[in-house]
């Protein structure tokens, strides 16, 4: 199986390399913003709009998908934007662009035209906005032809455009064939490099079970086998410490040296919160994907679930503070990241990953299929009002999620038992997601 895997390392540039990195990412932001201005001018022309930029963005984001696609086709292509970049370099006021690596500038234009604009056309995001140096993740460099321009040598990596050999923290060996790399800056002022490699792997998982996973706030994950994962709630643990640091930041003069120091302190706390959460997520998703050949989760719309209840002046929201607290708890659990990790890790192991509709999973009886909100009168307990079946509510929900995954496989004409036979010669899942010996099955015909 051919996969792409990224390895991320901390860079340790010299002062001269650091200065060049800042100049290169600054040129990239400038070209991105200049290219975006060309697209906004084209949008004004096509729409016949003469108002302010804010009103223009509202108009663009209110367009229907078909109108967005039609408008995007009339905007400059990547090739045309590259020609503009060549012309800009020849003007005295933009001669500084010659200090940047041409491929980096073109990659920024591809990010705008082929990614940000397509996301707007599909309705995934709003119309692209200008990049700023105030946001660290807007400072990136991408080198797409790694074998031609870059070299790895133990704890050093050679980068083009006079960056030369740069030291990095080689925490683990790079496996596979490097194809590209991306240099990024985080909010703490630390540079990292991500090396994207192409690997040919053989799924080594010997798992032969199927499992459903129920996501929650009080308990991060509950498996259909009854195994609970409490989670870490790293934001909740550091909330008071973070609030104290942010109060200190608000009392300092914006832009001063002490303000800059305190701003980095706040960023370090956010980084620590994120690192704790990521460590938990990677360890437990790896454990689940290695122990199960099929994983079924809820298809949760986290962005909708964590949307503010503030409302408008005409229609103010209700219980805004309580909803804000719930939103923080939902985002602290990292459901979307867990789903992403499980999806690629299960596929790397040669397993099946499914996301099923989450409606009424905690109100459906797995025995008689009776659906009623009275089945779950409390957060933790489930008692069916029709047949009397009782159990832990989260476990019941996870079992219903697994059943829906099995049903989807049947509707698609697939059979989990035959899939497991293809993987490792085992198994027929029971209702709880466990497996039976393979000698009880008919011969595999795959």
Protein backbone atom coordinates (compact mmCIF):
# COMPACT_ATOMS: atom_id res chain seq x y z
CA UNK A 1 0.00 0.00 0.00
CA UNK A 2 1.41 3.37 -1.05
CA UNK A 3 0.83 6.13 1.53
CA UNK A 4 2.06 9.65 2.24
CA UNK A 5 3.38 10.40 5.71
CA UNK A 6 4.77 13.65 7.14
CA UNK A 7 7.61 13.96 9.65
CA UNK A 8 7.75 17.22 11.63
CA UNK A 9 10.94 18.55 13.22
CA UNK A 10 12.02 21.69 15.01
CA UNK A 11 14.46 23.85 13.05
CA UNK A 12 17.48 25.63 14.56
CA UNK A 13 18.44 28.32 12.01
CA UNK A 14 21.35 30.70 12.43
CA UNK A 15 20.73 34.45 12.71
CA UNK A 16 21.48 34.91 9.02
CA UNK A 17 19.15 32.05 8.03
CA UNK A 18 16.48 33.39 10.39
CA UNK A 19 16.57 36.80 8.71
CA UNK A 20 16.29 35.20 5.28
CA UNK A 21 13.35 33.03 6.40
CA UNK A 22 11.41 36.07 7.58
CA UNK A 23 12.09 37.88 4.29
CA UNK A 24 10.99 34.86 2.24
CA UNK A 25 7.71 34.35 4.10
CA UNK A 26 7.09 38.10 3.92
CA UNK A 27 7.45 38.00 0.13
CA UNK A 28 5.09 35.04 0.02
CA UNK A 29 2.43 36.94 1.98
CA UNK A 30 2.85 39.96 -0.28
CA UNK A 31 2.36 37.92 -3.47
CA UNK A 32 -0.63 36.14 -1.93
CA UNK A 33 -2.28 39.44 -0.99
CA UNK A 34 -1.46 41.09 -4.35
CA UNK A 35 -2.94 38.11 -6.20
CA UNK A 36 -6.02 38.26 -3.99
CA UNK A 37 -6.44 41.95 -4.83
CA UNK A 38 -6.52 41.03 -8.52
CA UNK A 39 -9.29 38.53 -7.83
CA UNK A 40 -11.28 41.04 -5.78
CA UNK A 41 -10.99 43.60 -8.61
CA UNK A 42 -12.27 40.99 -11.05
CA UNK A 43 -15.13 40.16 -8.68
CA UNK A 44 -16.08 43.85 -8.43
CA UNK A 45 -16.07 44.11 -12.21
CA UNK A 46 -18.20 41.00 -12.79
CA UNK A 47 -20.69 41.83 -10.03
CA UNK A 48 -20.80 45.54 -10.79
CA UNK A 49 -20.09 46.25 -7.13
CA UNK A 50 -18.72 49.59 -5.90
CA UNK A 51 -19.05 49.36 -2.11
CA UNK A 52 -16.49 48.76 0.64
CA UNK A 53 -14.49 45.56 0.96
CA UNK A 54 -16.51 44.31 3.92
CA UNK A 55 -19.74 44.61 1.95
CA UNK A 56 -18.06 42.94 -1.03
CA UNK A 57 -17.14 39.92 1.11
CA UNK A 58 -20.73 39.70 2.35
CA UNK A 59 -21.95 39.76 -1.24
CA UNK A 60 -19.44 37.09 -2.34
CA UNK A 61 -20.26 34.75 0.55
CA UNK A 62 -23.98 35.12 -0.13
CA UNK A 63 -23.63 33.80 -3.69
CA UNK A 64 -25.05 30.41 -4.60
CA UNK A 65 -22.57 27.58 -5.40
CA UNK A 66 -23.29 27.73 -9.14
CA UNK A 67 -22.68 31.51 -9.18
CA UNK A 68 -19.46 31.06 -7.21
CA UNK A 69 -18.13 28.55 -9.72
CA UNK A 70 -19.04 30.78 -12.64
CA UNK A 71 -17.28 33.75 -11.03
CA UNK A 72 -14.18 31.70 -10.13
CA UNK A 73 -13.75 30.65 -13.76
CA UNK A 74 -13.40 34.30 -14.78
CA UNK A 75 -10.65 35.00 -12.25
CA UNK A 76 -6.93 34.77 -13.15
CA UNK A 77 -5.49 31.26 -13.34
CA UNK A 78 -2.28 30.16 -11.63
CA UNK A 79 -0.36 30.64 -14.89
CA UNK A 80 -1.65 34.20 -15.27
CA UNK A 81 -0.84 34.98 -11.64
CA UNK A 82 2.72 33.72 -12.16
CA UNK A 83 3.10 36.12 -15.09
CA UNK A 84 2.01 38.96 -12.83
CA UNK A 85 4.71 37.96 -10.35
CA UNK A 86 7.36 38.18 -13.08
CA UNK A 87 6.17 41.69 -13.94
CA UNK A 88 6.13 42.77 -10.31
CA UNK A 89 9.78 41.78 -9.86
CA UNK A 90 10.76 44.18 -12.65
CA UNK A 91 9.26 47.25 -10.94
CA UNK A 92 11.49 49.27 -8.55
CA UNK A 93 8.94 49.31 -5.71
CA UNK A 94 8.62 45.50 -5.79
CA UNK A 95 12.21 44.55 -6.55
CA UNK A 96 12.47 42.97 -3.08
CA UNK A 97 10.55 39.98 -4.46
CA UNK A 98 13.76 38.87 -6.18
CA UNK A 99 15.09 37.86 -2.74
CA UNK A 100 12.44 35.14 -2.52
CA UNK A 101 12.52 31.68 -4.06
CA UNK A 102 10.31 31.71 -7.14
CA UNK A 103 8.75 28.31 -6.41
CA UNK A 104 7.67 29.56 -2.96
CA UNK A 105 5.84 32.51 -4.50
CA UNK A 106 4.13 30.26 -7.03
CA UNK A 107 3.09 27.86 -4.28
CA UNK A 108 1.42 30.70 -2.39
CA UNK A 109 -0.53 31.55 -5.53
CA UNK A 110 -1.54 27.89 -5.92
CA UNK A 111 -2.70 27.90 -2.29
CA UNK A 112 -4.93 30.84 -3.14
CA UNK A 113 -6.23 29.75 -6.54
CA UNK A 114 -6.37 25.96 -6.22
CA UNK A 115 -7.20 25.56 -2.54
CA UNK A 116 -8.74 28.65 -0.90
CA UNK A 117 -10.85 29.58 -3.92
CA UNK A 118 -12.05 25.99 -4.42
CA UNK A 119 -13.03 25.80 -0.75
CA UNK A 120 -15.10 28.95 -1.27
CA UNK A 121 -16.75 27.50 -4.38
CA UNK A 122 -17.72 24.33 -2.49
CA UNK A 123 -19.07 26.32 0.45
CA UNK A 124 -16.51 24.89 2.84
CA UNK A 125 -15.13 28.33 3.73
CA UNK A 126 -15.72 31.98 2.99
CA UNK A 127 -13.96 33.96 0.30
CA UNK A 128 -10.16 34.07 0.87
CA UNK A 129 -8.85 36.88 3.07
CA UNK A 130 -5.53 38.67 3.17
CA UNK A 131 -2.56 37.13 4.96
CA UNK A 132 -0.97 39.00 7.88
CA UNK A 133 2.27 38.61 9.81
CA UNK A 134 0.31 38.91 13.07
CA UNK A 135 -0.88 35.33 12.56
CA UNK A 136 2.01 32.88 12.66
CA UNK A 137 0.32 30.23 10.49
CA UNK A 138 0.24 32.75 7.63
CA UNK A 139 4.04 32.45 7.44
CA UNK A 140 4.86 29.33 5.43
CA UNK A 141 7.32 28.12 2.78
CA UNK A 142 6.86 25.06 0.61
CA UNK A 143 9.57 23.31 -1.43
CA UNK A 144 7.76 20.91 -3.75
CA UNK A 145 10.69 19.23 -5.54
CA UNK A 146 12.56 17.81 -2.56
CA UNK A 147 14.83 15.33 -4.42
CA UNK A 148 16.11 18.07 -6.73
CA UNK A 149 16.71 20.96 -4.33
CA UNK A 150 16.91 19.51 -0.78
CA UNK A 151 19.28 17.08 0.93
CA UNK A 152 19.06 15.29 4.30
CA UNK A 153 22.22 14.50 6.24
CA UNK A 154 21.81 13.27 9.83
CA UNK A 155 20.87 16.39 11.84
CA UNK A 156 21.04 18.87 8.96
CA UNK A 157 18.90 19.61 5.94
CA UNK A 158 19.94 21.59 2.89
CA UNK A 159 17.36 24.08 1.60
CA UNK A 160 17.51 26.21 -1.59
CA UNK A 161 17.61 30.02 -2.03
CA UNK A 162 20.83 30.55 -0.04
CA UNK A 163 19.38 28.99 3.10
CA UNK A 164 21.98 26.24 2.83
CA UNK A 165 22.51 23.63 5.51
CA UNK A 166 20.19 24.11 8.48
CA UNK A 167 20.23 22.14 11.71
CA UNK A 168 17.06 20.41 12.91
CA UNK A 169 16.05 18.23 15.88
CA UNK A 170 16.23 14.75 14.38
CA UNK A 171 13.88 13.10 16.88
CA UNK A 172 13.12 10.10 14.63
CA UNK A 173 14.42 8.83 11.30
CA UNK A 174 12.73 9.81 8.05
CA UNK A 175 11.22 6.75 6.37
CA UNK A 176 10.37 6.48 2.70
CA UNK A 177 11.19 8.80 -0.19
CA UNK A 178 10.93 12.55 0.60
CA UNK A 179 8.77 14.37 -1.96
CA UNK A 180 8.29 17.86 -0.52
CA UNK A 181 8.75 19.87 2.64
CA UNK A 182 7.03 22.81 4.31
CA UNK A 183 8.63 25.31 6.68
CA UNK A 184 6.25 26.93 9.16
CA UNK A 185 6.37 29.43 12.02
CA UNK A 186 4.33 28.94 15.19
CA UNK A 187 2.94 31.56 17.57
CA UNK A 188 5.89 31.07 19.94
CA UNK A 189 8.36 32.17 17.25
CA UNK A 190 9.68 28.63 16.66
CA UNK A 191 10.30 27.34 13.13
CA UNK A 192 9.42 23.76 12.11
CA UNK A 193 9.83 21.71 8.99
CA UNK A 194 7.45 18.99 7.81
CA UNK A 195 8.89 16.47 5.34
CA UNK A 196 6.28 14.65 3.26
CA UNK A 197 7.44 11.15 2.34
CA UNK A 198 6.08 8.42 0.12
CA UNK A 199 6.07 4.99 1.76
CA UNK A 200 5.14 1.55 0.51
CA UNK A 201 3.78 -0.30 3.54
CA UNK A 202 2.26 -3.72 4.18
CA UNK A 203 -0.67 -3.70 6.65
CA UNK A 204 0.61 -5.57 9.68
CA UNK A 205 -2.45 -5.49 11.93
CA UNK A 206 -3.67 -8.91 13.14
CA UNK A 207 -6.87 -7.47 14.61
CA UNK A 208 -10.11 -9.31 13.90
CA UNK A 209 -12.78 -7.31 15.71
CA UNK A 210 -15.20 -4.51 14.89
CA UNK A 211 -15.93 -1.68 17.30
CA UNK A 212 -18.21 1.33 17.52
CA UNK A 213 -17.14 4.53 19.28
CA UNK A 214 -19.40 7.01 21.04
CA UNK A 215 -17.93 10.51 21.51
CA UNK A 216 -18.86 12.48 24.59
CA UNK A 217 -18.00 15.43 26.81
CA UNK A 218 -18.00 13.81 30.25
CA UNK A 219 -16.15 10.84 28.76
CA UNK A 220 -14.10 11.38 25.62
CA UNK A 221 -14.69 7.96 24.00
CA UNK A 222 -16.66 4.86 24.90
CA UNK A 223 -16.24 1.67 22.87
CA UNK A 224 -19.01 -0.77 22.11
CA UNK A 225 -17.02 -3.36 24.07
CA UNK A 226 -17.55 -1.23 27.21
CA UNK A 227 -14.00 0.11 27.34
CA UNK A 228 -13.97 3.81 28.40
CA UNK A 229 -11.45 6.54 27.51
CA UNK A 230 -11.80 9.46 29.88
CA UNK A 231 -9.75 11.98 27.88
CA UNK A 232 -7.41 14.64 29.22
CA UNK A 233 -9.42 17.94 29.08
CA UNK A 234 -6.15 19.86 28.81
CA UNK A 235 -7.85 23.23 28.31
CA UNK A 236 -10.00 22.78 31.43
CA UNK A 237 -6.90 21.99 33.49
CA UNK A 238 -5.05 25.10 32.27
CA UNK A 239 -8.03 27.46 31.99
CA UNK A 240 -7.27 29.50 35.13
CA UNK A 241 -3.58 29.70 34.33
CA UNK A 242 -4.38 30.85 30.80
CA UNK A 243 -6.89 33.45 32.03
CA UNK A 244 -4.29 34.87 34.42
CA UNK A 245 -1.71 35.16 31.63
CA UNK A 246 -4.25 36.84 29.34
CA UNK A 247 -5.17 39.38 32.05
CA UNK A 248 -1.51 40.29 32.39
CA UNK A 249 -1.31 40.73 28.62
CA UNK A 250 -4.33 43.06 28.59
CA UNK A 251 -2.68 45.38 31.14
CA UNK A 252 0.49 45.93 29.12
CA UNK A 253 1.04 48.54 26.42
CA UNK A 254 0.30 46.94 23.10
CA UNK A 255 3.45 46.54 21.01
CA UNK A 256 5.88 47.10 23.87
CA UNK A 257 8.71 44.71 24.76
CA UNK A 258 6.87 43.44 27.84
CA UNK A 259 3.71 42.98 25.77
CA UNK A 260 5.67 40.85 23.30
CA UNK A 261 7.09 38.72 26.12
CA UNK A 262 3.68 38.16 27.70
CA UNK A 263 2.16 37.38 24.30
CA UNK A 264 4.71 34.58 23.86
CA UNK A 265 3.87 33.31 27.33
CA UNK A 266 0.19 33.03 26.36
CA UNK A 267 1.20 31.27 23.14
CA UNK A 268 3.34 28.78 25.09
CA UNK A 269 0.34 27.90 27.27
CA UNK A 270 -1.81 27.31 24.19
CA UNK A 271 0.95 25.14 22.72
CA UNK A 272 1.17 23.10 25.92
CA UNK A 273 -2.60 22.57 25.93
CA UNK A 274 -2.52 21.44 22.30
CA UNK A 275 0.49 19.14 22.84
CA UNK A 276 -1.16 17.37 25.79
CA UNK A 277 -4.31 16.80 23.74
CA UNK A 278 -2.38 15.59 20.68
CA UNK A 279 -0.29 13.19 22.77
CA UNK A 280 -3.44 11.59 24.18
CA UNK A 281 -5.13 11.44 20.78
CA UNK A 282 -2.20 9.83 18.98
CA UNK A 283 -1.61 7.18 21.66
CA UNK A 284 -5.22 6.07 21.98
CA UNK A 285 -6.17 6.22 18.29
CA UNK A 286 -3.11 4.08 17.54
CA UNK A 287 -4.20 1.60 20.21
CA UNK A 288 -7.75 1.40 18.84
CA UNK A 289 -6.68 1.09 15.19
CA UNK A 290 -4.20 -1.68 16.04
CA UNK A 291 -6.72 -3.69 18.07
CA UNK A 292 -9.70 -3.51 15.70
CA UNK A 293 -10.12 -4.29 12.00
CA UNK A 294 -13.23 -2.14 11.67
CA UNK A 295 -13.94 1.18 13.44
CA UNK A 296 -17.27 3.00 13.25
CA UNK A 297 -17.75 6.53 14.62
CA UNK A 298 -20.48 9.17 14.59
CA UNK A 299 -20.54 11.61 11.70
CA UNK A 300 -20.57 14.66 13.98
CA UNK A 301 -20.71 18.24 12.66
CA UNK A 302 -18.47 19.72 15.33
CA UNK A 303 -18.48 23.23 13.84
CA UNK A 304 -22.29 23.32 13.99
CA UNK A 305 -22.42 21.81 17.47
CA UNK A 306 -19.97 24.40 18.83
CA UNK A 307 -21.58 27.40 17.13
CA UNK A 308 -22.26 30.42 19.36
CA UNK A 309 -25.79 31.01 20.67
CA UNK A 310 -25.25 34.76 20.94
CA UNK A 311 -27.73 35.61 18.20
CA UNK A 312 -28.33 39.14 16.90
CA UNK A 313 -29.66 42.42 18.26
CA UNK A 314 -33.05 41.68 16.72
CA UNK A 315 -33.10 38.06 17.89
CA UNK A 316 -30.77 37.64 20.90
CA UNK A 317 -29.84 34.13 21.96
CA UNK A 318 -30.85 32.28 25.11
CA UNK A 319 -28.56 30.73 27.73
CA UNK A 320 -25.54 32.16 25.91
CA UNK A 321 -23.08 31.66 28.78
CA UNK A 322 -24.07 28.03 29.31
CA UNK A 323 -23.78 27.31 25.59
CA UNK A 324 -20.35 28.97 25.52
CA UNK A 325 -19.19 26.65 28.30
CA UNK A 326 -20.53 23.63 26.44
CA UNK A 327 -18.77 24.79 23.25
CA UNK A 328 -15.45 25.00 25.10
CA UNK A 329 -15.93 21.48 26.47
CA UNK A 330 -16.78 20.10 23.03
CA UNK A 331 -13.73 21.68 21.40
CA UNK A 332 -11.53 20.56 24.29
CA UNK A 333 -12.37 16.92 23.47
CA UNK A 334 -10.97 17.17 19.92
CA UNK A 335 -13.56 14.92 18.27
CA UNK A 336 -12.72 15.96 14.71
CA UNK A 337 -8.99 15.32 15.15
CA UNK A 338 -9.69 11.91 16.67
CA UNK A 339 -11.86 11.01 13.70
CA UNK A 340 -9.15 12.10 11.24
CA UNK A 341 -6.48 10.09 13.05
CA UNK A 342 -8.64 6.97 13.21
CA UNK A 343 -9.49 7.25 9.53
CA UNK A 344 -5.91 7.23 8.24
CA UNK A 345 -4.52 4.87 10.88
CA UNK A 346 -7.22 2.25 10.27
CA UNK A 347 -6.66 2.51 6.51
CA UNK A 348 -2.90 2.09 6.98
CA UNK A 349 -3.63 -1.13 8.86
CA UNK A 350 -5.86 -2.33 6.03
CA UNK A 351 -9.07 -1.97 8.02
CA UNK A 352 -12.49 -0.40 7.48
CA UNK A 353 -13.42 3.04 8.80
CA UNK A 354 -17.02 4.28 8.67
CA UNK A 355 -18.83 7.40 9.87
CA UNK A 356 -22.56 6.90 10.47
CA UNK A 357 -25.44 9.32 11.22
CA UNK A 358 -25.50 10.12 14.95
CA UNK A 359 -29.25 10.73 15.31
CA UNK A 360 -30.96 8.84 18.18
CA UNK A 361 -28.01 6.51 18.86
CA UNK A 362 -28.37 7.14 22.60
CA UNK A 363 -32.18 6.73 22.56
CA UNK A 364 -32.44 3.49 20.55
CA UNK A 365 -32.66 0.12 22.27
CA UNK A 366 -30.15 -2.30 20.67
CA UNK A 367 -32.41 -5.28 21.49
CA UNK A 368 -35.90 -4.24 20.32
CA UNK A 369 -34.90 -1.12 18.30
CA UNK A 370 -37.48 1.00 20.18
CA UNK A 371 -36.66 4.71 19.92
CA UNK A 372 -37.79 7.00 22.72
CA UNK A 373 -36.21 9.88 24.64
CA UNK A 374 -37.50 8.32 27.87
CA UNK A 375 -35.11 5.41 27.33
CA UNK A 376 -32.34 7.69 28.57
CA UNK A 377 -33.63 9.71 31.50
CA UNK A 378 -30.16 10.38 32.94
CA UNK A 379 -26.75 10.99 31.42
CA UNK A 380 -25.27 7.63 32.44
CA UNK A 381 -28.11 5.09 32.50
CA UNK A 382 -30.24 3.57 29.74
CA UNK A 383 -33.46 1.62 30.42
CA UNK A 384 -35.72 0.69 27.52
CA UNK A 385 -39.34 1.55 28.33
CA UNK A 386 -40.58 -1.23 26.01
CA UNK A 387 -38.47 -4.32 26.72
CA UNK A 388 -36.64 -3.26 29.89
CA UNK A 389 -33.13 -3.69 28.49
CA UNK A 390 -30.71 -1.67 30.67
CA UNK A 391 -27.08 -0.66 30.53
CA UNK A 392 -24.64 2.20 30.38
CA UNK A 393 -25.97 4.86 28.01
CA UNK A 394 -22.62 5.49 26.32
CA UNK A 395 -22.01 1.78 25.72
CA UNK A 396 -25.53 1.39 24.31
CA UNK A 397 -24.89 4.32 21.94
CA UNK A 398 -21.58 2.79 20.81
CA UNK A 399 -23.30 -0.54 20.10
CA UNK A 400 -25.95 1.25 18.02
CA UNK A 401 -23.20 3.04 16.11
CA UNK A 402 -21.54 -0.30 15.34
CA UNK A 403 -24.88 -1.77 14.20
CA UNK A 404 -25.41 1.14 11.82
CA UNK A 405 -21.94 0.58 10.40
CA UNK A 406 -22.73 -3.09 9.76
CA UNK A 407 -25.99 -2.10 8.11
CA UNK A 408 -24.18 0.33 5.79
CA UNK A 409 -21.77 -2.44 4.77
CA UNK A 410 -24.71 -4.70 3.91
CA UNK A 411 -26.39 -1.96 1.89
CA UNK A 412 -23.14 -1.47 -0.04
CA UNK A 413 -23.02 -5.17 -0.80
CA UNK A 414 -20.02 -5.80 1.46
CA UNK A 415 -19.57 -8.36 4.19
CA UNK A 416 -17.40 -7.71 7.22
CA UNK A 417 -16.71 -11.41 7.70
CA UNK A 418 -15.33 -11.74 4.19
CA UNK A 419 -13.34 -8.57 4.64
CA UNK A 420 -11.76 -9.95 7.81
CA UNK A 421 -11.03 -13.20 6.00
CA UNK A 422 -9.24 -11.19 3.33
CA UNK A 423 -7.16 -9.38 5.97
CA UNK A 424 -6.13 -12.19 8.29
CA UNK A 425 -8.23 -15.31 7.74
CA UNK A 426 -10.48 -14.79 10.77
CA UNK A 427 -13.82 -13.94 11.70
CA UNK A 428 -17.46 -13.22 12.07
CA UNK A 429 -18.46 -10.33 14.34
CA UNK A 430 -21.14 -10.89 16.88
CA UNK A 431 -23.60 -8.19 17.99
CA UNK A 432 -21.08 -6.84 20.49
CA UNK A 433 -18.38 -6.58 17.85
CA UNK A 434 -16.36 -9.65 18.91
CA UNK A 435 -15.40 -12.43 16.53
CA UNK A 436 -15.86 -16.14 16.15
CA UNK A 437 -13.36 -18.70 14.83
CA UNK A 438 -12.91 -18.74 11.09
CA UNK A 439 -13.69 -22.47 10.81
CA UNK A 440 -17.36 -21.61 11.45
CA UNK A 441 -17.50 -19.56 8.25
CA UNK A 442 -18.00 -20.53 4.66
CA UNK A 443 -14.83 -20.40 2.52
CA UNK A 444 -13.89 -16.92 1.43
CA UNK A 445 -14.69 -16.21 -2.20
CA UNK A 446 -12.88 -12.90 -2.52
